[in-house]
N, C-alpha and C. Protein backbone atom coordinates (compact mmCIF):
# COMPACT_ATOMS: atom_id res chain seq x y z
N UNK A 1 -9.36 -10.74 4.78
CA UNK A 1 -10.49 -10.10 5.42
C UNK A 1 -10.00 -9.18 6.53
N UNK A 2 -10.54 -7.98 6.57
CA UNK A 2 -10.23 -7.07 7.66
C UNK A 2 -11.01 -7.52 8.89
N UNK A 3 -10.35 -7.43 10.06
CA UNK A 3 -11.00 -7.83 11.30
C UNK A 3 -10.95 -6.69 12.31
N UNK A 4 -11.95 -6.66 13.15
CA UNK A 4 -12.08 -5.68 14.22
C UNK A 4 -12.22 -6.44 15.53
N UNK A 5 -11.44 -6.04 16.54
CA UNK A 5 -11.62 -6.66 17.85
C UNK A 5 -12.57 -5.80 18.67
N UNK A 6 -13.42 -6.47 19.42
CA UNK A 6 -14.39 -5.78 20.26
C UNK A 6 -14.18 -6.20 21.70
N UNK A 7 -13.94 -5.21 22.55
CA UNK A 7 -13.84 -5.42 23.99
C UNK A 7 -15.18 -5.05 24.61
N UNK A 8 -15.65 -5.85 25.56
CA UNK A 8 -16.97 -5.58 26.12
C UNK A 8 -17.20 -6.33 27.42
N UNK A 9 -18.38 -6.16 27.94
CA UNK A 9 -18.76 -6.74 29.22
C UNK A 9 -19.17 -8.21 29.11
N UNK A 10 -18.89 -8.94 30.18
CA UNK A 10 -19.36 -10.32 30.29
C UNK A 10 -20.45 -10.42 31.36
N UNK A 11 -20.95 -9.28 31.79
CA UNK A 11 -21.96 -9.27 32.84
C UNK A 11 -23.36 -9.40 32.26
N UNK A 12 -24.19 -10.17 32.94
CA UNK A 12 -25.60 -10.29 32.56
C UNK A 12 -26.46 -9.26 33.29
N UNK A 13 -25.85 -8.40 34.08
CA UNK A 13 -26.61 -7.45 34.91
C UNK A 13 -26.64 -6.05 34.33
N UNK A 14 -26.28 -5.88 33.06
CA UNK A 14 -26.18 -4.55 32.48
C UNK A 14 -27.47 -4.14 31.76
N UNK A 15 -27.58 -2.86 31.49
CA UNK A 15 -28.72 -2.31 30.77
C UNK A 15 -28.78 -2.95 29.38
N UNK A 16 -29.95 -3.43 28.96
CA UNK A 16 -30.08 -4.06 27.64
C UNK A 16 -29.67 -3.17 26.47
N UNK A 17 -29.66 -1.85 26.65
CA UNK A 17 -29.29 -0.96 25.54
C UNK A 17 -27.85 -1.20 25.08
N UNK A 18 -26.98 -1.66 25.99
CA UNK A 18 -25.60 -1.92 25.60
C UNK A 18 -25.50 -3.14 24.68
N UNK A 19 -26.28 -4.15 24.97
CA UNK A 19 -26.29 -5.33 24.11
C UNK A 19 -26.96 -5.04 22.77
N UNK A 20 -27.97 -4.17 22.79
CA UNK A 20 -28.62 -3.78 21.53
C UNK A 20 -27.62 -3.05 20.64
N UNK A 21 -26.83 -2.15 21.22
CA UNK A 21 -25.81 -1.43 20.44
C UNK A 21 -24.75 -2.40 19.92
N UNK A 22 -24.39 -3.39 20.72
CA UNK A 22 -23.40 -4.39 20.31
C UNK A 22 -23.92 -5.18 19.11
N UNK A 23 -25.16 -5.59 19.17
CA UNK A 23 -25.75 -6.34 18.04
C UNK A 23 -25.79 -5.47 16.78
N UNK A 24 -26.14 -4.19 16.94
CA UNK A 24 -26.17 -3.26 15.81
C UNK A 24 -24.77 -3.13 15.20
N UNK A 25 -23.77 -3.01 16.05
CA UNK A 25 -22.39 -2.89 15.58
C UNK A 25 -21.97 -4.14 14.81
N UNK A 26 -22.26 -5.30 15.36
CA UNK A 26 -21.89 -6.56 14.71
C UNK A 26 -22.55 -6.68 13.34
N UNK A 27 -23.83 -6.36 13.25
CA UNK A 27 -24.51 -6.42 11.96
C UNK A 27 -23.85 -5.48 10.95
N UNK A 28 -23.53 -4.26 11.39
CA UNK A 28 -22.91 -3.28 10.49
C UNK A 28 -21.52 -3.73 10.05
N UNK A 29 -20.74 -4.25 10.98
CA UNK A 29 -19.39 -4.73 10.64
C UNK A 29 -19.45 -5.86 9.63
N UNK A 30 -20.28 -6.84 9.88
CA UNK A 30 -20.39 -7.98 8.96
C UNK A 30 -20.94 -7.54 7.60
N UNK A 31 -21.87 -6.59 7.59
CA UNK A 31 -22.42 -6.10 6.32
C UNK A 31 -21.33 -5.43 5.49
N UNK A 32 -20.34 -4.82 6.15
CA UNK A 32 -19.23 -4.18 5.45
C UNK A 32 -18.10 -5.16 5.12
N UNK A 33 -18.28 -6.42 5.50
CA UNK A 33 -17.28 -7.43 5.17
C UNK A 33 -16.19 -7.61 6.21
N UNK A 34 -16.34 -7.01 7.37
CA UNK A 34 -15.37 -7.18 8.44
C UNK A 34 -15.63 -8.47 9.21
N UNK A 35 -14.56 -9.10 9.67
CA UNK A 35 -14.67 -10.17 10.62
C UNK A 35 -14.60 -9.57 12.03
N UNK A 36 -15.12 -10.28 13.00
CA UNK A 36 -15.14 -9.81 14.38
C UNK A 36 -14.30 -10.75 15.24
N UNK A 37 -13.51 -10.15 16.13
CA UNK A 37 -12.75 -10.89 17.13
C UNK A 37 -13.25 -10.42 18.48
N UNK A 38 -13.56 -11.36 19.35
CA UNK A 38 -14.02 -10.98 20.69
C UNK A 38 -13.59 -12.03 21.70
N UNK A 39 -13.97 -11.76 22.94
CA UNK A 39 -13.68 -12.70 24.01
C UNK A 39 -14.44 -14.01 23.86
N UNK A 40 -15.52 -13.98 23.08
CA UNK A 40 -16.20 -15.20 22.68
C UNK A 40 -17.03 -15.92 23.71
N UNK A 41 -17.18 -15.35 24.88
CA UNK A 41 -17.97 -16.01 25.91
C UNK A 41 -19.46 -15.95 25.63
N UNK A 42 -20.22 -16.63 26.47
CA UNK A 42 -21.67 -16.72 26.28
C UNK A 42 -22.44 -15.67 27.08
N UNK A 43 -21.77 -15.00 28.02
CA UNK A 43 -22.46 -14.09 28.94
C UNK A 43 -22.36 -12.64 28.49
N UNK A 44 -23.34 -11.84 28.93
CA UNK A 44 -23.31 -10.40 28.75
C UNK A 44 -23.20 -9.97 27.30
N UNK A 45 -22.51 -8.84 27.10
CA UNK A 45 -22.34 -8.30 25.75
C UNK A 45 -21.50 -9.24 24.90
N UNK A 46 -20.55 -9.94 25.53
CA UNK A 46 -19.77 -10.93 24.77
C UNK A 46 -20.70 -11.96 24.14
N UNK A 47 -21.64 -12.42 24.91
CA UNK A 47 -22.60 -13.39 24.39
C UNK A 47 -23.49 -12.81 23.31
N UNK A 48 -23.89 -11.55 23.48
CA UNK A 48 -24.72 -10.89 22.46
C UNK A 48 -23.96 -10.75 21.15
N UNK A 49 -22.69 -10.38 21.23
CA UNK A 49 -21.85 -10.24 20.03
C UNK A 49 -21.70 -11.58 19.33
N UNK A 50 -21.39 -12.59 20.10
CA UNK A 50 -21.18 -13.92 19.54
C UNK A 50 -22.46 -14.44 18.90
N UNK A 51 -23.57 -14.33 19.60
CA UNK A 51 -24.84 -14.83 19.08
C UNK A 51 -25.25 -14.08 17.81
N UNK A 52 -25.02 -12.77 17.78
CA UNK A 52 -25.41 -12.00 16.59
C UNK A 52 -24.52 -12.35 15.40
N UNK A 53 -23.24 -12.55 15.64
CA UNK A 53 -22.34 -12.96 14.56
C UNK A 53 -22.78 -14.29 13.98
N UNK A 54 -23.11 -15.21 14.85
CA UNK A 54 -23.57 -16.53 14.39
C UNK A 54 -24.89 -16.38 13.63
N UNK A 55 -25.79 -15.57 14.16
CA UNK A 55 -27.11 -15.38 13.54
C UNK A 55 -27.01 -14.84 12.11
N UNK A 56 -26.08 -13.88 11.90
CA UNK A 56 -25.96 -13.28 10.56
C UNK A 56 -24.90 -13.98 9.70
N UNK A 57 -24.39 -15.10 10.21
CA UNK A 57 -23.39 -15.91 9.49
C UNK A 57 -22.11 -15.12 9.19
N UNK A 58 -21.72 -14.26 10.13
CA UNK A 58 -20.50 -13.49 9.96
C UNK A 58 -19.29 -14.25 10.48
N UNK A 59 -18.12 -13.85 10.01
CA UNK A 59 -16.88 -14.47 10.46
C UNK A 59 -16.55 -13.93 11.85
N UNK A 60 -16.41 -14.85 12.81
CA UNK A 60 -16.20 -14.46 14.20
C UNK A 60 -15.14 -15.36 14.83
N UNK A 61 -14.10 -14.72 15.39
CA UNK A 61 -13.06 -15.44 16.10
C UNK A 61 -13.26 -15.18 17.59
N UNK A 62 -13.34 -16.23 18.36
CA UNK A 62 -13.46 -16.13 19.81
C UNK A 62 -12.11 -16.49 20.43
N UNK A 63 -11.62 -15.64 21.32
CA UNK A 63 -10.33 -15.87 21.96
C UNK A 63 -10.58 -15.99 23.46
N UNK A 64 -10.28 -17.17 23.99
CA UNK A 64 -10.55 -17.43 25.40
C UNK A 64 -9.33 -18.04 26.09
N UNK A 65 -9.12 -17.68 27.35
CA UNK A 65 -8.08 -18.38 28.12
C UNK A 65 -8.60 -19.77 28.50
N UNK A 66 -7.70 -20.70 28.65
CA UNK A 66 -8.09 -22.10 28.91
C UNK A 66 -8.97 -22.26 30.15
N UNK A 67 -8.80 -21.38 31.13
CA UNK A 67 -9.61 -21.54 32.34
C UNK A 67 -11.08 -21.22 32.10
N UNK A 68 -11.41 -20.68 30.91
CA UNK A 68 -12.79 -20.40 30.57
C UNK A 68 -13.40 -21.50 29.70
N UNK A 69 -12.74 -22.66 29.68
CA UNK A 69 -13.24 -23.79 28.91
C UNK A 69 -14.69 -24.07 29.29
N UNK A 70 -15.52 -24.24 28.28
CA UNK A 70 -16.94 -24.49 28.51
C UNK A 70 -17.78 -23.24 28.36
N UNK A 71 -17.15 -22.05 28.29
CA UNK A 71 -17.89 -20.81 28.16
C UNK A 71 -17.95 -20.32 26.71
N UNK A 72 -17.31 -21.05 25.80
CA UNK A 72 -17.28 -20.64 24.40
C UNK A 72 -18.56 -21.04 23.68
N UNK A 73 -18.86 -20.30 22.63
CA UNK A 73 -19.98 -20.66 21.76
C UNK A 73 -19.40 -21.52 20.65
N UNK A 74 -19.80 -22.78 20.53
CA UNK A 74 -19.21 -23.68 19.54
C UNK A 74 -19.56 -23.33 18.10
N UNK A 75 -20.47 -22.38 17.89
CA UNK A 75 -20.91 -22.04 16.54
C UNK A 75 -20.09 -20.93 15.88
N UNK A 76 -19.11 -20.36 16.59
CA UNK A 76 -18.30 -19.31 15.98
C UNK A 76 -17.41 -19.90 14.89
N UNK A 77 -16.84 -19.03 14.07
CA UNK A 77 -16.00 -19.49 12.97
C UNK A 77 -14.73 -20.16 13.46
N UNK A 78 -14.17 -19.62 14.53
CA UNK A 78 -12.90 -20.15 15.04
C UNK A 78 -12.78 -19.82 16.53
N UNK A 79 -12.25 -20.76 17.30
CA UNK A 79 -11.95 -20.53 18.71
C UNK A 79 -10.44 -20.65 18.88
N UNK A 80 -9.85 -19.66 19.54
CA UNK A 80 -8.42 -19.69 19.86
C UNK A 80 -8.32 -19.77 21.38
N UNK A 81 -7.57 -20.75 21.86
CA UNK A 81 -7.35 -20.91 23.30
C UNK A 81 -5.98 -20.36 23.65
N UNK A 82 -5.91 -19.64 24.77
CA UNK A 82 -4.63 -19.10 25.24
C UNK A 82 -4.39 -19.58 26.67
N UNK A 83 -3.14 -19.47 27.09
CA UNK A 83 -2.80 -19.89 28.45
C UNK A 83 -3.02 -18.77 29.48
N UNK A 84 -2.94 -17.52 29.04
CA UNK A 84 -3.06 -16.40 29.99
C UNK A 84 -3.97 -15.31 29.42
N UNK A 85 -4.41 -14.42 30.29
CA UNK A 85 -5.20 -13.27 29.86
C UNK A 85 -4.34 -12.33 29.00
N UNK A 86 -3.07 -12.20 29.34
CA UNK A 86 -2.18 -11.34 28.55
C UNK A 86 -2.05 -11.84 27.12
N UNK A 87 -1.88 -13.14 26.97
CA UNK A 87 -1.79 -13.73 25.63
C UNK A 87 -3.12 -13.58 24.91
N UNK A 88 -4.21 -13.68 25.64
CA UNK A 88 -5.53 -13.48 25.05
C UNK A 88 -5.63 -12.10 24.42
N UNK A 89 -5.20 -11.06 25.16
CA UNK A 89 -5.26 -9.70 24.64
C UNK A 89 -4.42 -9.55 23.38
N UNK A 90 -3.23 -10.15 23.39
CA UNK A 90 -2.36 -10.09 22.20
C UNK A 90 -3.04 -10.74 21.01
N UNK A 91 -3.62 -11.92 21.22
CA UNK A 91 -4.29 -12.63 20.13
C UNK A 91 -5.50 -11.86 19.61
N UNK A 92 -6.21 -11.20 20.50
CA UNK A 92 -7.39 -10.46 20.09
C UNK A 92 -7.02 -9.28 19.18
N UNK A 93 -5.88 -8.67 19.42
CA UNK A 93 -5.44 -7.52 18.60
C UNK A 93 -4.77 -7.93 17.29
N UNK A 94 -4.24 -9.11 17.24
CA UNK A 94 -3.42 -9.55 16.12
C UNK A 94 -4.16 -9.41 14.78
N UNK A 95 -3.52 -8.71 13.85
CA UNK A 95 -4.04 -8.53 12.49
C UNK A 95 -5.41 -7.86 12.43
N UNK A 96 -5.71 -6.99 13.38
CA UNK A 96 -6.98 -6.26 13.33
C UNK A 96 -6.73 -4.82 12.89
N UNK A 97 -7.74 -4.22 12.29
CA UNK A 97 -7.64 -2.84 11.82
C UNK A 97 -8.23 -1.86 12.83
N UNK A 98 -8.87 -2.39 13.86
CA UNK A 98 -9.45 -1.53 14.90
C UNK A 98 -9.69 -2.34 16.16
N UNK A 99 -9.61 -1.61 17.27
CA UNK A 99 -9.96 -2.17 18.58
C UNK A 99 -11.02 -1.25 19.16
N UNK A 100 -12.18 -1.81 19.43
CA UNK A 100 -13.33 -1.03 19.88
C UNK A 100 -13.75 -1.50 21.26
N UNK A 101 -13.86 -0.56 22.17
CA UNK A 101 -14.39 -0.86 23.50
C UNK A 101 -15.85 -0.46 23.54
N UNK A 102 -16.70 -1.41 23.82
CA UNK A 102 -18.09 -1.12 24.11
C UNK A 102 -18.19 -0.89 25.61
N UNK A 103 -19.30 -0.36 26.12
CA UNK A 103 -19.41 -0.22 27.56
C UNK A 103 -19.09 -1.54 28.27
N UNK A 104 -18.22 -1.46 29.24
CA UNK A 104 -17.79 -2.64 29.98
C UNK A 104 -17.17 -2.25 31.30
N UNK A 105 -16.61 -3.23 31.98
CA UNK A 105 -16.03 -3.01 33.29
C UNK A 105 -14.51 -2.94 33.26
N UNK A 106 -13.87 -3.41 34.33
CA UNK A 106 -12.42 -3.24 34.45
C UNK A 106 -11.65 -4.08 33.44
N UNK A 107 -12.20 -5.21 33.02
CA UNK A 107 -11.53 -6.00 31.99
C UNK A 107 -11.50 -5.26 30.67
N UNK A 108 -12.62 -4.65 30.31
CA UNK A 108 -12.70 -3.85 29.08
C UNK A 108 -11.76 -2.66 29.17
N UNK A 109 -11.75 -2.01 30.32
CA UNK A 109 -10.85 -0.86 30.51
C UNK A 109 -9.39 -1.29 30.35
N UNK A 110 -9.02 -2.40 30.94
CA UNK A 110 -7.66 -2.93 30.83
C UNK A 110 -7.31 -3.16 29.36
N UNK A 111 -8.21 -3.78 28.62
CA UNK A 111 -7.94 -4.12 27.22
C UNK A 111 -7.76 -2.87 26.36
N UNK A 112 -8.65 -1.90 26.52
CA UNK A 112 -8.58 -0.72 25.65
C UNK A 112 -7.41 0.19 26.03
N UNK A 113 -7.10 0.30 27.32
CA UNK A 113 -5.96 1.14 27.73
C UNK A 113 -4.66 0.51 27.27
N UNK A 114 -4.52 -0.80 27.40
CA UNK A 114 -3.31 -1.45 26.90
C UNK A 114 -3.16 -1.22 25.40
N UNK A 115 -4.27 -1.30 24.69
CA UNK A 115 -4.23 -1.09 23.24
C UNK A 115 -3.86 0.36 22.92
N UNK A 116 -4.37 1.30 23.69
CA UNK A 116 -4.00 2.71 23.50
C UNK A 116 -2.50 2.91 23.72
N UNK A 117 -1.96 2.32 24.76
CA UNK A 117 -0.51 2.42 25.03
C UNK A 117 0.28 1.84 23.86
N UNK A 118 -0.13 0.69 23.37
CA UNK A 118 0.56 0.08 22.24
C UNK A 118 0.45 0.94 20.99
N UNK A 119 -0.68 1.59 20.80
CA UNK A 119 -0.86 2.51 19.67
C UNK A 119 0.12 3.68 19.80
N UNK A 120 0.22 4.24 20.99
CA UNK A 120 1.15 5.34 21.26
C UNK A 120 2.59 4.92 20.96
N UNK A 121 2.93 3.70 21.31
CA UNK A 121 4.30 3.20 21.12
C UNK A 121 4.55 2.67 19.71
N UNK A 122 3.54 2.73 18.86
CA UNK A 122 3.69 2.26 17.48
C UNK A 122 3.65 0.75 17.33
N UNK A 123 3.18 0.05 18.36
CA UNK A 123 3.11 -1.41 18.31
C UNK A 123 1.73 -1.92 17.91
N UNK A 124 0.79 -1.02 17.78
CA UNK A 124 -0.53 -1.34 17.25
C UNK A 124 -0.90 -0.21 16.30
N UNK A 125 -1.29 -0.54 15.10
CA UNK A 125 -1.53 0.49 14.09
C UNK A 125 -3.01 0.74 13.81
N UNK A 126 -3.88 -0.04 14.43
CA UNK A 126 -5.31 0.11 14.16
C UNK A 126 -5.94 1.28 14.89
N UNK A 127 -7.16 1.54 14.53
CA UNK A 127 -7.98 2.54 15.19
C UNK A 127 -8.29 2.07 16.62
N UNK A 128 -8.27 2.98 17.57
CA UNK A 128 -8.66 2.67 18.95
C UNK A 128 -9.85 3.57 19.29
N UNK A 129 -10.97 2.96 19.66
CA UNK A 129 -12.17 3.73 19.94
C UNK A 129 -12.96 3.11 21.08
N UNK A 130 -13.68 3.99 21.78
CA UNK A 130 -14.60 3.55 22.83
C UNK A 130 -15.96 4.12 22.49
N UNK A 131 -16.95 3.26 22.32
CA UNK A 131 -18.30 3.71 22.00
C UNK A 131 -18.88 4.41 23.24
N UNK A 132 -19.00 5.71 23.13
CA UNK A 132 -19.42 6.54 24.26
C UNK A 132 -20.95 6.68 24.29
N UNK A 133 -21.61 5.55 24.29
CA UNK A 133 -23.06 5.49 24.26
C UNK A 133 -23.64 6.19 25.48
N UNK A 134 -24.43 7.22 25.23
CA UNK A 134 -25.07 8.01 26.29
C UNK A 134 -24.07 8.47 27.35
N UNK A 135 -22.85 8.80 26.91
CA UNK A 135 -21.84 9.35 27.81
C UNK A 135 -21.14 8.34 28.69
N UNK A 136 -21.28 7.05 28.38
CA UNK A 136 -20.69 6.01 29.23
C UNK A 136 -19.21 6.25 29.49
N UNK A 137 -18.46 6.65 28.47
CA UNK A 137 -17.02 6.82 28.63
C UNK A 137 -16.60 8.27 28.92
N UNK A 138 -17.54 9.13 29.30
CA UNK A 138 -17.16 10.51 29.66
C UNK A 138 -16.12 10.56 30.78
N UNK A 139 -16.23 9.72 31.81
CA UNK A 139 -15.18 9.76 32.85
C UNK A 139 -13.79 9.40 32.31
N UNK A 140 -13.70 8.47 31.38
CA UNK A 140 -12.40 8.12 30.79
C UNK A 140 -11.89 9.27 29.94
N UNK A 141 -12.76 9.89 29.16
CA UNK A 141 -12.37 11.07 28.37
C UNK A 141 -11.82 12.15 29.30
N UNK A 142 -12.51 12.39 30.40
CA UNK A 142 -12.08 13.43 31.36
C UNK A 142 -10.72 13.07 31.97
N UNK A 143 -10.50 11.80 32.26
CA UNK A 143 -9.23 11.37 32.82
C UNK A 143 -8.09 11.60 31.82
N UNK A 144 -8.30 11.22 30.58
CA UNK A 144 -7.27 11.42 29.56
C UNK A 144 -7.00 12.92 29.36
N UNK A 145 -8.06 13.73 29.37
CA UNK A 145 -7.87 15.18 29.26
C UNK A 145 -7.11 15.72 30.47
N UNK A 146 -7.37 15.18 31.64
CA UNK A 146 -6.65 15.57 32.85
C UNK A 146 -5.17 15.24 32.71
N UNK A 147 -4.86 14.07 32.18
CA UNK A 147 -3.46 13.71 31.94
C UNK A 147 -2.77 14.73 31.05
N UNK A 148 -3.48 15.16 30.00
CA UNK A 148 -2.91 16.16 29.09
C UNK A 148 -2.70 17.48 29.83
N UNK A 149 -3.69 17.92 30.60
CA UNK A 149 -3.58 19.21 31.28
C UNK A 149 -2.48 19.21 32.33
N UNK A 150 -2.13 18.05 32.86
CA UNK A 150 -1.05 17.94 33.85
C UNK A 150 0.30 17.63 33.22
N UNK A 151 0.34 17.51 31.91
CA UNK A 151 1.59 17.20 31.23
C UNK A 151 1.98 15.74 31.28
N UNK A 152 1.07 14.88 31.70
CA UNK A 152 1.36 13.44 31.80
C UNK A 152 1.12 12.72 30.48
N UNK A 153 0.46 13.39 29.55
CA UNK A 153 0.15 12.80 28.25
C UNK A 153 0.21 13.92 27.22
N UNK A 154 0.78 13.62 26.08
CA UNK A 154 0.85 14.60 25.00
C UNK A 154 -0.51 14.69 24.30
N UNK A 155 -0.90 15.89 23.87
CA UNK A 155 -2.19 16.02 23.17
C UNK A 155 -2.31 15.10 21.96
N UNK A 156 -1.21 14.89 21.23
CA UNK A 156 -1.30 14.00 20.06
C UNK A 156 -1.54 12.55 20.48
N UNK A 157 -1.06 12.17 21.66
CA UNK A 157 -1.33 10.82 22.15
C UNK A 157 -2.78 10.70 22.62
N UNK A 158 -3.31 11.76 23.19
CA UNK A 158 -4.72 11.77 23.62
C UNK A 158 -5.63 11.58 22.41
N UNK A 159 -5.23 12.14 21.27
CA UNK A 159 -6.07 12.06 20.07
C UNK A 159 -6.07 10.67 19.45
N UNK A 160 -5.25 9.77 19.96
CA UNK A 160 -5.20 8.41 19.41
C UNK A 160 -6.42 7.57 19.80
N UNK A 161 -7.14 8.02 20.82
CA UNK A 161 -8.34 7.29 21.24
C UNK A 161 -9.56 8.13 20.91
N UNK A 162 -10.45 7.55 20.13
CA UNK A 162 -11.65 8.25 19.69
C UNK A 162 -12.86 7.79 20.50
N UNK A 163 -13.84 8.68 20.61
CA UNK A 163 -15.02 8.40 21.42
C UNK A 163 -16.31 8.68 20.64
N UNK A 164 -16.59 7.91 19.60
CA UNK A 164 -17.85 8.11 18.88
C UNK A 164 -19.02 7.82 19.81
N UNK A 165 -20.12 8.55 19.58
CA UNK A 165 -21.26 8.42 20.49
C UNK A 165 -22.35 7.49 19.99
N UNK A 166 -22.26 7.11 18.73
CA UNK A 166 -23.26 6.20 18.17
C UNK A 166 -22.55 5.12 17.34
N UNK A 167 -23.26 4.06 17.09
CA UNK A 167 -22.72 3.01 16.22
C UNK A 167 -22.47 3.58 14.83
N UNK A 168 -23.36 4.44 14.36
CA UNK A 168 -23.20 5.04 13.04
C UNK A 168 -21.90 5.83 12.96
N UNK A 169 -21.60 6.64 13.97
CA UNK A 169 -20.35 7.41 14.00
C UNK A 169 -19.15 6.47 14.00
N UNK A 170 -19.25 5.40 14.74
CA UNK A 170 -18.17 4.43 14.82
C UNK A 170 -17.93 3.77 13.46
N UNK A 171 -18.98 3.37 12.82
CA UNK A 171 -18.86 2.74 11.50
C UNK A 171 -18.27 3.73 10.49
N UNK A 172 -18.63 5.00 10.57
CA UNK A 172 -18.06 6.01 9.69
C UNK A 172 -16.54 6.10 9.86
N UNK A 173 -16.06 5.95 11.08
CA UNK A 173 -14.62 5.98 11.32
C UNK A 173 -13.91 4.80 10.65
N UNK A 174 -14.60 3.70 10.48
CA UNK A 174 -14.00 2.50 9.90
C UNK A 174 -14.06 2.49 8.37
N UNK A 175 -14.88 3.33 7.79
CA UNK A 175 -15.02 3.33 6.33
C UNK A 175 -13.86 4.03 5.67
């Protein structure tokens, strides 16, 4: 089974449109036969992803560091416990065909940028994308473009991260 890792927010204080997009993405991925890998927590977009996967009976792997014991949803297909956040990120990417960042905070940014670096270095071969819902990731796009304009990043490396604006565009990239 092909799997996609999803990086996202664990905050309950975000606009509901982000969780709605996450649920739409999860339904589309499972309908196409993809499994989902996520942080697996119960809060925020992570919780929305987990609950939607369970609701549609999709294959879902939750990867959590041990200090988050008690925050997992017991109904997921599989829970993987790690000792560190770094190991968590490695496990989340393992054997996936894509890494997708939904709107999120600094944890999401850390995860997707590390994945982009690994893609550049040839250590991750999957698609790297950030769902740019209503321009959420425009500042990151501008930063990466700034790196290119200053010679800090090669244009071909900049092209390794895609910014689809809708779930439909994102799903098209995976087909």
